[in-house]
Amino acid sequence: MAIEKTLILIKPDAAKRKLTGLIIDRLENSGFELVGAKLVRVTRELAEKHYEALRNQPFFENLIKYITGELHQIPNNKILALVYKGENVISEMRKLVGATNPEEAQPNTIRGSFGRITTKGQFENVIHASGNKEDAEREIKLWFRDNEIIE
């Protein structure tokens, strides 16, 4: 079993709906160690780097507007970025977070509990969790400086 780190982002729709505390409660009850946390102003540049693997998808522009807070009119484009550490934290956090599509997420997951699809078809899945070890390493470096992670 490997000790890993994973990036968690509490997205703008969660902030707008005042779900941040409820989501953190679920994350903290997972038993993994929180080693990094900060509010981040999400610029277009940061958003594009975060979602670079999806650049050629038809929904790319919508993803950028979503994560920067533009879709939800979030002041200062800020979201909460977290890093958790532990054995198999990446796969375990993915289970806790649930399926990307909130309608496919199990009811006991974060997305199953709080996610929704708007009448315009916008996924509001409230949280991001790194998908694999390579993504986690890349994303953590993108969102955090080394001295911001306390181990």
N, C-alpha and C. Protein backbone atom coordinates (compact mmCIF):
# COMPACT_ATOMS: atom_id res chain seq x y z
N MET A 1 0.84 -1.19 0.00
CA MET A 1 0.00 0.00 0.00
C MET A 1 0.88 1.24 0.00
N ALA A 2 0.49 2.18 -0.82
CA ALA A 2 1.31 3.36 -1.00
C ALA A 2 0.71 4.58 -0.31
N ILE A 3 1.60 5.37 0.30
CA ILE A 3 1.18 6.66 0.84
C ILE A 3 1.18 7.63 -0.33
N GLU A 4 0.05 8.27 -0.54
CA GLU A 4 -0.11 9.18 -1.67
C GLU A 4 -0.68 10.51 -1.18
N LYS A 5 -0.68 11.47 -2.10
CA LYS A 5 -1.36 12.75 -1.88
C LYS A 5 -2.34 12.96 -3.03
N THR A 6 -3.42 13.67 -2.74
CA THR A 6 -4.41 13.97 -3.77
C THR A 6 -4.91 15.40 -3.62
N LEU A 7 -5.27 15.99 -4.74
CA LEU A 7 -5.84 17.33 -4.73
C LEU A 7 -7.35 17.25 -4.68
N ILE A 8 -7.94 18.06 -3.82
CA ILE A 8 -9.39 18.21 -3.72
C ILE A 8 -9.69 19.69 -3.94
N LEU A 9 -10.65 19.98 -4.80
CA LEU A 9 -11.11 21.36 -5.00
C LEU A 9 -12.60 21.41 -4.66
N ILE A 10 -12.96 22.32 -3.79
CA ILE A 10 -14.38 22.55 -3.51
C ILE A 10 -14.80 23.66 -4.47
N LYS A 11 -15.64 23.28 -5.42
CA LYS A 11 -15.94 24.10 -6.59
C LYS A 11 -16.89 25.27 -6.29
N PRO A 12 -16.98 26.21 -7.24
CA PRO A 12 -17.79 27.42 -7.04
C PRO A 12 -19.26 27.16 -6.71
N ASP A 13 -19.86 26.14 -7.31
CA ASP A 13 -21.27 25.88 -7.01
C ASP A 13 -21.46 25.48 -5.56
N ALA A 14 -20.50 24.76 -4.99
CA ALA A 14 -20.58 24.39 -3.57
C ALA A 14 -20.45 25.63 -2.70
N ALA A 15 -19.54 26.53 -3.06
CA ALA A 15 -19.37 27.77 -2.30
C ALA A 15 -20.64 28.61 -2.35
N LYS A 16 -21.21 28.74 -3.53
CA LYS A 16 -22.42 29.56 -3.68
C LYS A 16 -23.58 29.00 -2.86
N ARG A 17 -23.66 27.67 -2.77
CA ARG A 17 -24.75 27.02 -2.05
C ARG A 17 -24.42 26.79 -0.56
N LYS A 18 -23.27 27.34 -0.10
CA LYS A 18 -22.86 27.24 1.31
C LYS A 18 -22.71 25.78 1.77
N LEU A 19 -22.08 24.95 0.91
CA LEU A 19 -21.87 23.54 1.21
C LEU A 19 -20.45 23.22 1.66
N THR A 20 -19.58 24.22 1.68
CA THR A 20 -18.16 23.98 1.97
C THR A 20 -17.95 23.25 3.29
N GLY A 21 -18.59 23.71 4.35
CA GLY A 21 -18.43 23.08 5.66
C GLY A 21 -18.91 21.64 5.68
N LEU A 22 -20.03 21.38 5.05
CA LEU A 22 -20.56 20.01 4.99
C LEU A 22 -19.62 19.09 4.22
N ILE A 23 -19.04 19.61 3.15
CA ILE A 23 -18.11 18.81 2.35
C ILE A 23 -16.83 18.55 3.14
N ILE A 24 -16.30 19.57 3.79
CA ILE A 24 -15.09 19.38 4.61
C ILE A 24 -15.34 18.36 5.71
N ASP A 25 -16.51 18.39 6.31
CA ASP A 25 -16.85 17.41 7.35
C ASP A 25 -16.74 15.99 6.79
N ARG A 26 -17.25 15.76 5.62
CA ARG A 26 -17.16 14.43 5.00
C ARG A 26 -15.71 14.06 4.70
N LEU A 27 -14.96 15.03 4.17
CA LEU A 27 -13.55 14.77 3.86
C LEU A 27 -12.77 14.44 5.13
N GLU A 28 -12.99 15.20 6.19
CA GLU A 28 -12.27 14.98 7.45
C GLU A 28 -12.63 13.64 8.08
N ASN A 29 -13.87 13.22 7.92
CA ASN A 29 -14.30 11.93 8.47
C ASN A 29 -13.77 10.74 7.67
N SER A 30 -13.10 11.01 6.56
CA SER A 30 -12.51 9.93 5.77
C SER A 30 -11.32 9.31 6.48
N GLY A 31 -10.75 10.04 7.43
CA GLY A 31 -9.59 9.53 8.17
C GLY A 31 -8.25 9.89 7.55
N PHE A 32 -8.25 10.55 6.40
CA PHE A 32 -7.00 10.95 5.77
C PHE A 32 -6.49 12.25 6.36
N GLU A 33 -5.19 12.47 6.22
CA GLU A 33 -4.55 13.64 6.81
C GLU A 33 -4.59 14.84 5.87
N LEU A 34 -5.11 15.95 6.36
CA LEU A 34 -5.10 17.20 5.60
C LEU A 34 -3.71 17.80 5.73
N VAL A 35 -3.03 18.03 4.59
CA VAL A 35 -1.67 18.56 4.62
C VAL A 35 -1.54 19.88 3.87
N GLY A 36 -2.63 20.34 3.23
CA GLY A 36 -2.60 21.62 2.54
C GLY A 36 -4.01 22.16 2.37
N ALA A 37 -4.17 23.47 2.57
CA ALA A 37 -5.47 24.11 2.39
C ALA A 37 -5.27 25.59 2.12
N LYS A 38 -5.99 26.11 1.12
CA LYS A 38 -5.94 27.55 0.86
C LYS A 38 -7.06 27.95 -0.09
N LEU A 39 -7.45 29.23 0.03
CA LEU A 39 -8.35 29.82 -0.95
C LEU A 39 -7.50 30.24 -2.14
N VAL A 40 -7.98 29.92 -3.33
CA VAL A 40 -7.24 30.23 -4.54
C VAL A 40 -8.12 31.04 -5.47
N ARG A 41 -7.58 32.11 -6.00
CA ARG A 41 -8.25 32.88 -7.05
C ARG A 41 -7.97 32.15 -8.36
N VAL A 42 -9.00 31.64 -8.98
CA VAL A 42 -8.82 30.83 -10.18
C VAL A 42 -8.85 31.72 -11.42
N THR A 43 -7.68 31.90 -11.99
CA THR A 43 -7.56 32.67 -13.23
C THR A 43 -7.89 31.75 -14.41
N ARG A 44 -8.13 32.36 -15.53
CA ARG A 44 -8.36 31.57 -16.74
C ARG A 44 -7.14 30.70 -17.04
N GLU A 45 -5.95 31.26 -16.85
CA GLU A 45 -4.71 30.51 -17.11
C GLU A 45 -4.63 29.26 -16.22
N LEU A 46 -4.91 29.40 -14.94
CA LEU A 46 -4.88 28.26 -14.02
C LEU A 46 -5.92 27.22 -14.43
N ALA A 47 -7.12 27.70 -14.75
CA ALA A 47 -8.20 26.79 -15.15
C ALA A 47 -7.82 26.00 -16.41
N GLU A 48 -7.25 26.69 -17.39
CA GLU A 48 -6.86 26.01 -18.63
C GLU A 48 -5.75 24.99 -18.39
N LYS A 49 -4.81 25.30 -17.52
CA LYS A 49 -3.76 24.33 -17.19
C LYS A 49 -4.34 23.13 -16.45
N HIS A 50 -5.27 23.40 -15.54
CA HIS A 50 -5.89 22.31 -14.76
C HIS A 50 -6.62 21.34 -15.70
N TYR A 51 -7.35 21.87 -16.66
CA TYR A 51 -8.17 21.05 -17.56
C TYR A 51 -7.53 20.84 -18.93
N GLU A 52 -6.20 20.98 -19.03
CA GLU A 52 -5.53 20.90 -20.33
C GLU A 52 -5.81 19.60 -21.08
N ALA A 53 -6.00 18.50 -20.40
CA ALA A 53 -6.27 17.22 -21.07
C ALA A 53 -7.63 17.22 -21.77
N LEU A 54 -8.50 18.16 -21.40
CA LEU A 54 -9.84 18.24 -21.99
C LEU A 54 -9.99 19.38 -22.99
N ARG A 55 -8.86 19.99 -23.34
CA ARG A 55 -8.86 21.19 -24.20
C ARG A 55 -9.65 20.99 -25.50
N ASN A 56 -9.61 19.82 -26.09
CA ASN A 56 -10.27 19.59 -27.38
C ASN A 56 -11.72 19.11 -27.25
N GLN A 57 -12.23 19.07 -26.04
CA GLN A 57 -13.61 18.65 -25.83
C GLN A 57 -14.57 19.82 -26.09
N PRO A 58 -15.77 19.53 -26.57
CA PRO A 58 -16.73 20.61 -26.86
C PRO A 58 -17.17 21.38 -25.62
N PHE A 59 -17.05 20.78 -24.45
CA PHE A 59 -17.47 21.41 -23.20
C PHE A 59 -16.34 22.15 -22.49
N PHE A 60 -15.16 22.24 -23.11
CA PHE A 60 -13.99 22.85 -22.47
C PHE A 60 -14.27 24.28 -22.00
N GLU A 61 -14.82 25.12 -22.85
CA GLU A 61 -15.07 26.52 -22.48
C GLU A 61 -16.02 26.61 -21.29
N ASN A 62 -17.01 25.75 -21.26
CA ASN A 62 -17.94 25.72 -20.14
C ASN A 62 -17.24 25.31 -18.84
N LEU A 63 -16.32 24.35 -18.94
CA LEU A 63 -15.53 23.94 -17.76
C LEU A 63 -14.74 25.12 -17.20
N ILE A 64 -14.16 25.91 -18.08
CA ILE A 64 -13.36 27.06 -17.66
C ILE A 64 -14.25 28.07 -16.95
N LYS A 65 -15.40 28.36 -17.52
CA LYS A 65 -16.33 29.31 -16.89
C LYS A 65 -16.83 28.78 -15.54
N TYR A 66 -16.98 27.48 -15.44
CA TYR A 66 -17.45 26.84 -14.20
C TYR A 66 -16.39 26.97 -13.10
N ILE A 67 -15.17 26.53 -13.37
CA ILE A 67 -14.14 26.48 -12.32
C ILE A 67 -13.65 27.88 -11.94
N THR A 68 -13.74 28.84 -12.86
CA THR A 68 -13.32 30.21 -12.51
C THR A 68 -14.40 30.96 -11.75
N GLY A 69 -15.58 30.37 -11.62
CA GLY A 69 -16.67 31.01 -10.88
C GLY A 69 -17.55 31.90 -11.74
N GLU A 70 -17.21 32.03 -13.03
CA GLU A 70 -17.98 32.90 -13.91
C GLU A 70 -19.45 32.47 -14.01
N LEU A 71 -19.70 31.16 -14.07
CA LEU A 71 -21.08 30.68 -14.19
C LEU A 71 -21.91 30.98 -12.94
N HIS A 72 -21.26 31.06 -11.80
CA HIS A 72 -21.98 31.24 -10.53
C HIS A 72 -21.75 32.61 -9.90
N GLN A 73 -21.11 33.52 -10.63
CA GLN A 73 -20.82 34.87 -10.15
C GLN A 73 -20.17 34.84 -8.76
N ILE A 74 -19.09 34.07 -8.64
CA ILE A 74 -18.34 33.98 -7.39
C ILE A 74 -17.39 35.17 -7.31
N PRO A 75 -17.50 35.99 -6.25
CA PRO A 75 -16.60 37.14 -6.12
C PRO A 75 -15.13 36.69 -6.07
N ASN A 76 -14.30 37.36 -6.82
CA ASN A 76 -12.86 37.11 -6.85
C ASN A 76 -12.48 35.73 -7.36
N ASN A 77 -13.40 35.03 -7.99
CA ASN A 77 -13.11 33.71 -8.59
C ASN A 77 -12.40 32.77 -7.62
N LYS A 78 -12.83 32.72 -6.38
CA LYS A 78 -12.09 31.94 -5.39
C LYS A 78 -12.75 30.59 -5.10
N ILE A 79 -11.89 29.59 -4.92
CA ILE A 79 -12.34 28.28 -4.48
C ILE A 79 -11.36 27.76 -3.43
N LEU A 80 -11.79 26.75 -2.70
CA LEU A 80 -10.95 26.14 -1.68
C LEU A 80 -10.22 24.94 -2.26
N ALA A 81 -8.90 24.97 -2.17
CA ALA A 81 -8.05 23.87 -2.63
C ALA A 81 -7.47 23.17 -1.42
N LEU A 82 -7.50 21.84 -1.44
CA LEU A 82 -7.04 21.03 -0.32
C LEU A 82 -6.13 19.91 -0.82
N VAL A 83 -5.21 19.49 0.02
CA VAL A 83 -4.40 18.32 -0.28
C VAL A 83 -4.54 17.37 0.91
N TYR A 84 -4.89 16.13 0.60
CA TYR A 84 -4.98 15.08 1.61
C TYR A 84 -3.93 14.02 1.33
N LYS A 85 -3.50 13.36 2.40
CA LYS A 85 -2.44 12.37 2.31
C LYS A 85 -2.86 11.11 3.05
N GLY A 86 -2.44 9.95 2.50
CA GLY A 86 -2.70 8.69 3.20
C GLY A 86 -2.56 7.50 2.27
N GLU A 87 -2.76 6.31 2.83
CA GLU A 87 -2.68 5.09 2.04
C GLU A 87 -3.85 5.04 1.07
N ASN A 88 -3.54 4.89 -0.21
CA ASN A 88 -4.55 4.80 -1.26
C ASN A 88 -5.55 5.96 -1.23
N VAL A 89 -5.09 7.14 -0.84
CA VAL A 89 -5.97 8.30 -0.71
C VAL A 89 -6.63 8.69 -2.03
N ILE A 90 -5.95 8.48 -3.15
CA ILE A 90 -6.52 8.88 -4.43
C ILE A 90 -7.78 8.08 -4.74
N SER A 91 -7.67 6.77 -4.71
CA SER A 91 -8.84 5.94 -5.03
C SER A 91 -9.92 6.04 -3.96
N GLU A 92 -9.51 6.15 -2.70
CA GLU A 92 -10.51 6.25 -1.63
C GLU A 92 -11.27 7.56 -1.68
N MET A 93 -10.58 8.65 -1.99
CA MET A 93 -11.27 9.94 -2.12
C MET A 93 -12.19 9.93 -3.33
N ARG A 94 -11.78 9.28 -4.40
CA ARG A 94 -12.65 9.18 -5.58
C ARG A 94 -13.95 8.45 -5.21
N LYS A 95 -13.84 7.41 -4.40
CA LYS A 95 -15.05 6.70 -3.96
C LYS A 95 -15.94 7.62 -3.12
N LEU A 96 -15.33 8.37 -2.21
CA LEU A 96 -16.07 9.29 -1.34
C LEU A 96 -16.74 10.40 -2.15
N VAL A 97 -16.05 10.90 -3.16
CA VAL A 97 -16.55 11.99 -3.99
C VAL A 97 -17.70 11.51 -4.87
N GLY A 98 -17.58 10.35 -5.51
CA GLY A 98 -18.63 9.80 -6.36
C GLY A 98 -18.44 10.13 -7.82
N ALA A 99 -19.34 9.61 -8.64
CA ALA A 99 -19.27 9.77 -10.09
C ALA A 99 -19.36 11.23 -10.50
N THR A 100 -18.68 11.57 -11.60
CA THR A 100 -18.68 12.94 -12.12
C THR A 100 -20.09 13.45 -12.38
N ASN A 101 -20.92 12.61 -12.99
CA ASN A 101 -22.31 12.97 -13.24
C ASN A 101 -23.08 12.78 -11.94
N PRO A 102 -23.60 13.85 -11.36
CA PRO A 102 -24.30 13.73 -10.07
C PRO A 102 -25.46 12.74 -10.09
N GLU A 103 -26.10 12.56 -11.25
CA GLU A 103 -27.22 11.61 -11.33
C GLU A 103 -26.74 10.16 -11.27
N GLU A 104 -25.46 9.93 -11.57
CA GLU A 104 -24.89 8.58 -11.52
C GLU A 104 -24.16 8.30 -10.22
N ALA A 105 -23.98 9.32 -9.40
CA ALA A 105 -23.25 9.17 -8.14
C ALA A 105 -24.12 8.46 -7.10
N GLN A 106 -23.50 7.58 -6.35
CA GLN A 106 -24.21 6.89 -5.26
C GLN A 106 -24.70 7.92 -4.24
N PRO A 107 -25.87 7.71 -3.65
CA PRO A 107 -26.45 8.69 -2.73
C PRO A 107 -25.57 9.03 -1.52
N ASN A 108 -24.73 8.09 -1.07
CA ASN A 108 -23.89 8.34 0.11
C ASN A 108 -22.58 9.05 -0.22
N THR A 109 -22.37 9.40 -1.49
CA THR A 109 -21.16 10.13 -1.86
C THR A 109 -21.41 11.64 -1.80
N ILE A 110 -20.34 12.42 -1.86
CA ILE A 110 -20.48 13.88 -1.82
C ILE A 110 -21.29 14.37 -3.02
N ARG A 111 -20.97 13.89 -4.20
CA ARG A 111 -21.72 14.32 -5.39
C ARG A 111 -23.14 13.78 -5.39
N GLY A 112 -23.33 12.59 -4.85
CA GLY A 112 -24.67 12.03 -4.76
C GLY A 112 -25.55 12.82 -3.80
N SER A 113 -24.92 13.34 -2.75
CA SER A 113 -25.66 14.13 -1.76
C SER A 113 -25.91 15.56 -2.20
N PHE A 114 -24.90 16.20 -2.81
CA PHE A 114 -24.96 17.64 -3.05
C PHE A 114 -24.95 18.06 -4.52
N GLY A 115 -24.54 17.15 -5.41
CA GLY A 115 -24.46 17.50 -6.83
C GLY A 115 -25.83 17.58 -7.46
N ARG A 116 -25.88 18.24 -8.61
CA ARG A 116 -27.15 18.34 -9.36
C ARG A 116 -26.83 18.70 -10.80
N ILE A 117 -27.83 18.57 -11.64
CA ILE A 117 -27.73 19.02 -13.03
C ILE A 117 -28.81 20.09 -13.19
N THR A 118 -28.40 21.27 -13.63
CA THR A 118 -29.35 22.38 -13.74
C THR A 118 -30.31 22.15 -14.91
N THR A 119 -31.34 22.95 -14.97
CA THR A 119 -32.30 22.85 -16.06
C THR A 119 -31.65 23.17 -17.41
N LYS A 120 -30.51 23.85 -17.40
CA LYS A 120 -29.77 24.13 -18.64
C LYS A 120 -28.80 23.01 -18.98
N GLY A 121 -28.77 21.95 -18.15
CA GLY A 121 -27.90 20.81 -18.42
C GLY A 121 -26.51 20.93 -17.85
N GLN A 122 -26.25 21.93 -17.02
CA GLN A 122 -24.93 22.14 -16.41
C GLN A 122 -24.73 21.17 -15.25
N PHE A 123 -23.66 20.36 -15.31
CA PHE A 123 -23.29 19.54 -14.16
C PHE A 123 -22.80 20.47 -13.06
N GLU A 124 -23.35 20.36 -11.89
CA GLU A 124 -22.85 21.05 -10.71
C GLU A 124 -22.47 19.94 -9.73
N ASN A 125 -21.22 19.50 -9.83
CA ASN A 125 -20.82 18.34 -9.03
C ASN A 125 -19.97 18.70 -7.82
N VAL A 126 -19.92 19.93 -7.45
CA VAL A 126 -19.43 20.54 -6.20
C VAL A 126 -17.98 20.28 -5.80
N ILE A 127 -17.33 19.27 -6.37
CA ILE A 127 -15.99 18.91 -5.88
C ILE A 127 -15.16 18.25 -6.98
N HIS A 128 -13.86 18.46 -6.91
CA HIS A 128 -12.91 17.78 -7.79
C HIS A 128 -11.99 16.95 -6.91
N ALA A 129 -11.67 15.75 -7.36
CA ALA A 129 -10.64 14.91 -6.73
C ALA A 129 -9.78 14.34 -7.84
N SER A 130 -8.47 14.38 -7.65
CA SER A 130 -7.55 13.86 -8.66
C SER A 130 -7.94 12.43 -9.05
N GLY A 131 -7.80 12.13 -10.35
CA GLY A 131 -8.23 10.83 -10.85
C GLY A 131 -7.23 9.70 -10.73
N ASN A 132 -5.94 10.04 -10.69
CA ASN A 132 -4.90 9.01 -10.60
C ASN A 132 -3.63 9.67 -10.07
N LYS A 133 -2.60 8.85 -9.87
CA LYS A 133 -1.36 9.36 -9.26
C LYS A 133 -0.70 10.44 -10.11
N GLU A 134 -0.66 10.25 -11.43
CA GLU A 134 -0.04 11.24 -12.32
C GLU A 134 -0.80 12.56 -12.26
N ASP A 135 -2.14 12.49 -12.33
CA ASP A 135 -2.95 13.70 -12.24
C ASP A 135 -2.74 14.39 -10.90
N ALA A 136 -2.72 13.61 -9.83
CA ALA A 136 -2.56 14.18 -8.48
C ALA A 136 -1.25 14.95 -8.37
N GLU A 137 -0.17 14.35 -8.83
CA GLU A 137 1.13 15.01 -8.76
C GLU A 137 1.14 16.30 -9.57
N ARG A 138 0.61 16.25 -10.79
CA ARG A 138 0.57 17.43 -11.66
C ARG A 138 -0.32 18.51 -11.06
N GLU A 139 -1.50 18.13 -10.59
CA GLU A 139 -2.45 19.10 -10.06
C GLU A 139 -1.96 19.75 -8.77
N ILE A 140 -1.37 18.97 -7.89
CA ILE A 140 -0.87 19.54 -6.63
C ILE A 140 0.20 20.59 -6.94
N LYS A 141 1.10 20.28 -7.87
CA LYS A 141 2.14 21.25 -8.25
C LYS A 141 1.55 22.50 -8.88
N LEU A 142 0.44 22.35 -9.57
CA LEU A 142 -0.22 23.47 -10.23
C LEU A 142 -0.90 24.39 -9.20
N TRP A 143 -1.49 23.83 -8.18
CA TRP A 143 -2.29 24.59 -7.22
C TRP A 143 -1.54 25.00 -5.95
N PHE A 144 -0.44 24.29 -5.63
CA PHE A 144 0.29 24.55 -4.38
C PHE A 144 1.78 24.67 -4.63
N ARG A 145 2.43 25.54 -3.87
CA ARG A 145 3.90 25.57 -3.82
C ARG A 145 4.33 24.54 -2.77
N ASP A 146 5.55 24.04 -2.88
CA ASP A 146 6.04 23.01 -1.96
C ASP A 146 5.90 23.43 -0.51
N ASN A 147 6.20 24.69 -0.20
CA ASN A 147 6.17 25.14 1.21
C ASN A 147 4.75 25.31 1.74
N GLU A 148 3.74 25.13 0.92
CA GLU A 148 2.35 25.24 1.36
C GLU A 148 1.76 23.90 1.79
N ILE A 149 2.54 22.84 1.61
CA ILE A 149 2.12 21.50 2.04
C ILE A 149 2.90 21.15 3.28
N ILE A 150 2.18 20.88 4.35
CA ILE A 150 2.83 20.64 5.65
C ILE A 150 2.67 19.18 6.03
N GLU A 151 3.81 18.49 6.03
CA GLU A 151 3.81 17.07 6.36
C GLU A 151 4.68 16.81 7.56
